[in-house]
Amino acid sequence: MNNLFNLTDEIILMTGGTGTIGLAFGEALLNAGAKLVIWSRGKTVPLEEIASKLAQKTGAADRIFAFKVDVSDKGSAEAGLQKVIDEVGPPSVLINGAGGNRGKAPFIEADLDVFQDVLKLNLLGGLMIPTQVMAKYWIENKVEGSIINVASATSFMPLSGVWAYDAAKAAVLNLTMGAAKEFAPHGIRVNGIAPGFFIGHQNRDLLYTDFEKGELSERGKAIINHTPYNRFGTAEDLFGTVVFLASKKASGFVTGVTLPVDGGYLVDNI
């Protein structure tokens, strides 16, 4: 059984990776033996800091590689991939983890420039460009790779006020299914992970009025009341899912699915 989840032969390329979810993925994959390559612009968190955090958690500093790449620019992604191939080796797994949200507003007051920026962040940089670049290389070189897209609970059910993020993550779900069908003849799997609510720097102030005291905001209370497990997610809750989807031995016949990791948020009912 241990062999099913052994990733020692895998070079995994992850875009983003600066937040709670990306760090959780990185920790799990490194602990499963993979080499991890991180692509980031390094604007929110310096690349060195990301690598250092993961090294401290896993003791795998020699298997962590960080490159400054702008995944919203195809030329940057193509050059970045060649650099990875030359210095680390050809990746066998791509995790599209770049993304995020900016602000919250009523629908009719949504800033359209911000709307476009969020779509670009989550769809172009967060999925289309890295997938095009990586899948092209795999198809040309007959590599049976695996793509893991980071979706969201909002892929299935919109949240109020975050319209561009809702639209982008719904599209991630749709494109995961579409790309899975197109790439299947090449042996390339495409799946998604839809995290529920995990506390990170982007949403902490939205979900808590006082994080240190554990005092929830009204939005935070509403989410907990809508989550049968009655808590937010922790990093450990994501470990098994990402390793499962990265492992060809464990999930080699799984493609086109997006797995919610949400404590039951999407199945809550009355």
Foldseek 3Di string as FASTA:
>chain_A
DLVQLAAQVFEEEEEDLPKQQSLLLLLLNVQSNYQYEYEAQCPVHRQVVSLVVSCVSHVPSVRYHYDYAQLLDLVRLLVVQVVCCVPPRHGQEYELDWADADWFDAPVPDDVVSLVVRLSRCPRSRPVRNCVNNLVVCLVVLRQGEYEHEAAPLLVPNDHGGVSNSVNRVVVLVVQQVVQVVCVVSNYAGEYEHEYADDIPRCPVVFAVDVVVPHGDPVVVVQLVLAPQSDHDHSVLCSVVSSQRRRCSNQSPDHSYYHYSYNCNNVRDD
